[in-house]
Amino acid sequence: MGDGAAYFYIAFVAEDGDVVPAFLPRRAENRDHALRAARALAATYAGAMAWSAKSGGEGIEVLFSQGVIGDIE
């Protein structure tokens, strides 16, 4: 896309009263891929999220969030 952003998605599961990532954040090919993946995961997991990160580490922008979201550190 040329905007210098990277796109990611993740899903969360409820485990022993906590919400934890179902897997490590996955990098998407582009914004649309991240959104489609997160929306599909939200249908079967406790929660899902897609976000973009600008190059240079200037923070993230949440593109999609549904359900219960845990910590992704």
N, C-alpha and C. Protein backbone atom coordinates (compact mmCIF):
# COMPACT_ATOMS: atom_id res chain seq x y z
N MET A 1 0.82 -1.20 0.00
CA MET A 1 0.00 0.00 0.00
C MET A 1 0.86 1.25 0.00
N GLY A 2 2.10 1.12 0.40
CA GLY A 2 2.98 2.26 0.33
C GLY A 2 2.86 3.24 1.47
N ASP A 3 2.07 2.96 2.49
CA ASP A 3 1.88 3.90 3.59
C ASP A 3 2.86 3.65 4.74
N GLY A 4 3.72 2.65 4.60
CA GLY A 4 4.70 2.35 5.64
C GLY A 4 4.13 1.65 6.85
N ALA A 5 2.89 1.19 6.76
CA ALA A 5 2.27 0.51 7.90
C ALA A 5 2.35 -1.00 7.72
N ALA A 6 2.39 -1.70 8.84
CA ALA A 6 2.29 -3.15 8.87
C ALA A 6 0.96 -3.49 9.53
N TYR A 7 0.34 -4.56 9.10
CA TYR A 7 -0.99 -4.94 9.58
C TYR A 7 -0.93 -6.29 10.29
N PHE A 8 -1.68 -6.40 11.39
CA PHE A 8 -1.65 -7.59 12.23
C PHE A 8 -3.05 -7.96 12.69
N TYR A 9 -3.20 -9.22 13.13
CA TYR A 9 -4.46 -9.66 13.74
C TYR A 9 -4.14 -10.71 14.79
N ILE A 10 -5.08 -10.89 15.72
CA ILE A 10 -4.92 -11.86 16.80
C ILE A 10 -6.30 -12.27 17.31
N ALA A 11 -6.37 -13.44 17.92
CA ALA A 11 -7.60 -13.91 18.57
C ALA A 11 -7.29 -14.21 20.03
N PHE A 12 -8.33 -14.18 20.86
CA PHE A 12 -8.18 -14.41 22.29
C PHE A 12 -9.12 -15.52 22.75
N VAL A 13 -8.67 -16.26 23.78
CA VAL A 13 -9.48 -17.31 24.40
C VAL A 13 -9.60 -17.02 25.89
N ALA A 14 -10.69 -17.49 26.48
CA ALA A 14 -10.87 -17.40 27.93
C ALA A 14 -10.28 -18.67 28.53
N GLU A 15 -9.37 -18.50 29.46
CA GLU A 15 -8.68 -19.65 30.05
C GLU A 15 -8.53 -19.44 31.55
N ASP A 16 -9.20 -20.27 32.35
CA ASP A 16 -9.12 -20.19 33.81
C ASP A 16 -9.43 -18.79 34.34
N GLY A 17 -10.43 -18.15 33.78
CA GLY A 17 -10.83 -16.83 34.24
C GLY A 17 -10.04 -15.68 33.65
N ASP A 18 -9.03 -15.97 32.85
CA ASP A 18 -8.24 -14.93 32.19
C ASP A 18 -8.51 -14.97 30.70
N VAL A 19 -8.22 -13.86 30.04
CA VAL A 19 -8.30 -13.81 28.59
C VAL A 19 -6.86 -13.75 28.08
N VAL A 20 -6.50 -14.72 27.26
CA VAL A 20 -5.12 -14.81 26.77
C VAL A 20 -5.13 -14.96 25.24
N PRO A 21 -4.03 -14.56 24.60
CA PRO A 21 -3.95 -14.74 23.15
C PRO A 21 -4.03 -16.22 22.78
N ALA A 22 -4.76 -16.52 21.73
CA ALA A 22 -4.86 -17.89 21.23
C ALA A 22 -3.59 -18.28 20.48
N PHE A 23 -2.87 -17.28 19.97
CA PHE A 23 -1.63 -17.48 19.24
C PHE A 23 -0.90 -16.14 19.21
N LEU A 24 0.34 -16.15 18.76
CA LEU A 24 1.10 -14.90 18.62
C LEU A 24 0.46 -14.03 17.55
N PRO A 25 0.60 -12.71 17.64
CA PRO A 25 0.05 -11.86 16.57
C PRO A 25 0.57 -12.31 15.21
N ARG A 26 -0.32 -12.30 14.25
CA ARG A 26 0.03 -12.71 12.88
C ARG A 26 0.03 -11.49 11.98
N ARG A 27 1.03 -11.42 11.13
CA ARG A 27 1.13 -10.31 10.19
C ARG A 27 0.26 -10.59 8.97
N ALA A 28 -0.50 -9.60 8.57
CA ALA A 28 -1.38 -9.72 7.40
C ALA A 28 -0.71 -9.10 6.18
N GLU A 29 -1.15 -9.52 5.01
CA GLU A 29 -0.61 -8.98 3.76
C GLU A 29 -0.94 -7.51 3.59
N ASN A 30 -2.13 -7.12 4.05
CA ASN A 30 -2.59 -5.73 3.90
C ASN A 30 -3.74 -5.48 4.88
N ARG A 31 -4.28 -4.28 4.83
CA ARG A 31 -5.36 -3.88 5.74
C ARG A 31 -6.59 -4.78 5.59
N ASP A 32 -7.00 -5.02 4.35
CA ASP A 32 -8.19 -5.84 4.11
C ASP A 32 -8.01 -7.26 4.64
N HIS A 33 -6.84 -7.83 4.46
CA HIS A 33 -6.57 -9.18 4.96
C HIS A 33 -6.67 -9.21 6.49
N ALA A 34 -6.10 -8.21 7.15
CA ALA A 34 -6.16 -8.15 8.62
C ALA A 34 -7.60 -8.05 9.10
N LEU A 35 -8.40 -7.23 8.45
CA LEU A 35 -9.80 -7.07 8.84
C LEU A 35 -10.60 -8.35 8.61
N ARG A 36 -10.43 -8.96 7.45
CA ARG A 36 -11.16 -10.21 7.16
C ARG A 36 -10.80 -11.31 8.15
N ALA A 37 -9.50 -11.43 8.43
CA ALA A 37 -9.05 -12.48 9.35
C ALA A 37 -9.60 -12.26 10.75
N ALA A 38 -9.53 -11.03 11.25
CA ALA A 38 -10.02 -10.74 12.60
C ALA A 38 -11.52 -10.95 12.70
N ARG A 39 -12.26 -10.54 11.70
CA ARG A 39 -13.72 -10.73 11.72
C ARG A 39 -14.08 -12.21 11.71
N ALA A 40 -13.37 -13.00 10.94
CA ALA A 40 -13.63 -14.44 10.90
C ALA A 40 -13.29 -15.08 12.24
N LEU A 41 -12.18 -14.70 12.84
CA LEU A 41 -11.78 -15.25 14.13
C LEU A 41 -12.75 -14.87 15.24
N ALA A 42 -13.33 -13.68 15.17
CA ALA A 42 -14.27 -13.22 16.19
C ALA A 42 -15.50 -14.11 16.28
N ALA A 43 -15.80 -14.82 15.21
CA ALA A 43 -16.97 -15.69 15.20
C ALA A 43 -16.76 -16.96 16.03
N THR A 44 -15.49 -17.35 16.25
CA THR A 44 -15.24 -18.61 16.96
C THR A 44 -14.36 -18.47 18.20
N TYR A 45 -13.84 -17.31 18.46
CA TYR A 45 -13.00 -17.08 19.64
C TYR A 45 -13.69 -16.10 20.58
N ALA A 46 -13.18 -15.97 21.80
CA ALA A 46 -13.76 -15.04 22.78
C ALA A 46 -13.65 -13.60 22.31
N GLY A 47 -12.62 -13.31 21.52
CA GLY A 47 -12.42 -11.97 20.98
C GLY A 47 -11.38 -11.99 19.89
N ALA A 48 -11.35 -10.92 19.11
CA ALA A 48 -10.36 -10.79 18.04
C ALA A 48 -10.10 -9.32 17.78
N MET A 49 -8.93 -9.05 17.22
CA MET A 49 -8.53 -7.67 16.98
C MET A 49 -7.62 -7.60 15.75
N ALA A 50 -7.73 -6.52 15.00
CA ALA A 50 -6.81 -6.21 13.90
C ALA A 50 -6.28 -4.81 14.14
N TRP A 51 -5.02 -4.58 13.81
CA TRP A 51 -4.44 -3.26 14.00
C TRP A 51 -3.34 -3.01 12.98
N SER A 52 -2.97 -1.74 12.87
CA SER A 52 -1.84 -1.37 12.02
C SER A 52 -0.79 -0.70 12.90
N ALA A 53 0.45 -0.87 12.50
CA ALA A 53 1.57 -0.24 13.19
C ALA A 53 2.39 0.51 12.16
N LYS A 54 2.62 1.77 12.41
CA LYS A 54 3.42 2.58 11.50
C LYS A 54 4.89 2.23 11.65
N SER A 55 5.62 2.33 10.56
CA SER A 55 7.06 2.12 10.67
C SER A 55 7.66 3.24 11.51
N GLY A 56 8.69 2.93 12.25
CA GLY A 56 9.28 3.92 13.14
C GLY A 56 8.75 3.84 14.55
N GLY A 57 7.81 2.93 14.81
CA GLY A 57 7.30 2.72 16.16
C GLY A 57 6.47 3.86 16.73
N GLU A 58 5.67 4.49 15.90
CA GLU A 58 4.85 5.62 16.36
C GLU A 58 3.47 5.20 16.85
N GLY A 59 3.35 4.00 17.39
CA GLY A 59 2.08 3.57 17.95
C GLY A 59 1.27 2.72 16.99
N ILE A 60 0.12 2.29 17.49
CA ILE A 60 -0.76 1.43 16.69
C ILE A 60 -2.11 2.11 16.50
N GLU A 61 -2.81 1.66 15.48
CA GLU A 61 -4.19 2.08 15.24
C GLU A 61 -5.04 0.82 15.20
N VAL A 62 -6.01 0.73 16.10
CA VAL A 62 -6.91 -0.43 16.12
C VAL A 62 -7.89 -0.27 14.97
N LEU A 63 -7.94 -1.28 14.12
CA LEU A 63 -8.82 -1.27 12.96
C LEU A 63 -10.13 -2.00 13.24
N PHE A 64 -10.06 -3.00 14.11
CA PHE A 64 -11.23 -3.82 14.43
C PHE A 64 -11.00 -4.47 15.78
N SER A 65 -12.05 -4.50 16.60
CA SER A 65 -11.99 -5.15 17.90
C SER A 65 -13.39 -5.63 18.24
N GLN A 66 -13.48 -6.93 18.56
CA GLN A 66 -14.79 -7.48 18.92
C GLN A 66 -14.59 -8.53 20.02
N GLY A 67 -15.52 -8.54 20.96
CA GLY A 67 -15.47 -9.53 22.02
C GLY A 67 -14.53 -9.11 23.13
N VAL A 68 -14.02 -10.11 23.84
CA VAL A 68 -13.15 -9.88 24.98
C VAL A 68 -11.70 -9.84 24.48
N ILE A 69 -11.04 -8.74 24.76
CA ILE A 69 -9.67 -8.54 24.29
C ILE A 69 -8.72 -8.53 25.48
N GLY A 70 -7.67 -9.31 25.38
CA GLY A 70 -6.65 -9.36 26.42
C GLY A 70 -5.44 -8.55 26.04
N ASP A 71 -4.40 -8.71 26.82
CA ASP A 71 -3.13 -8.01 26.63
C ASP A 71 -2.32 -8.69 25.54
N ILE A 72 -1.76 -7.91 24.61
CA ILE A 72 -0.97 -8.50 23.54
C ILE A 72 0.53 -8.23 23.66
N GLU A 73 0.95 -7.81 24.82
CA GLU A 73 2.38 -7.54 25.00
C GLU A 73 3.09 -8.81 24.90
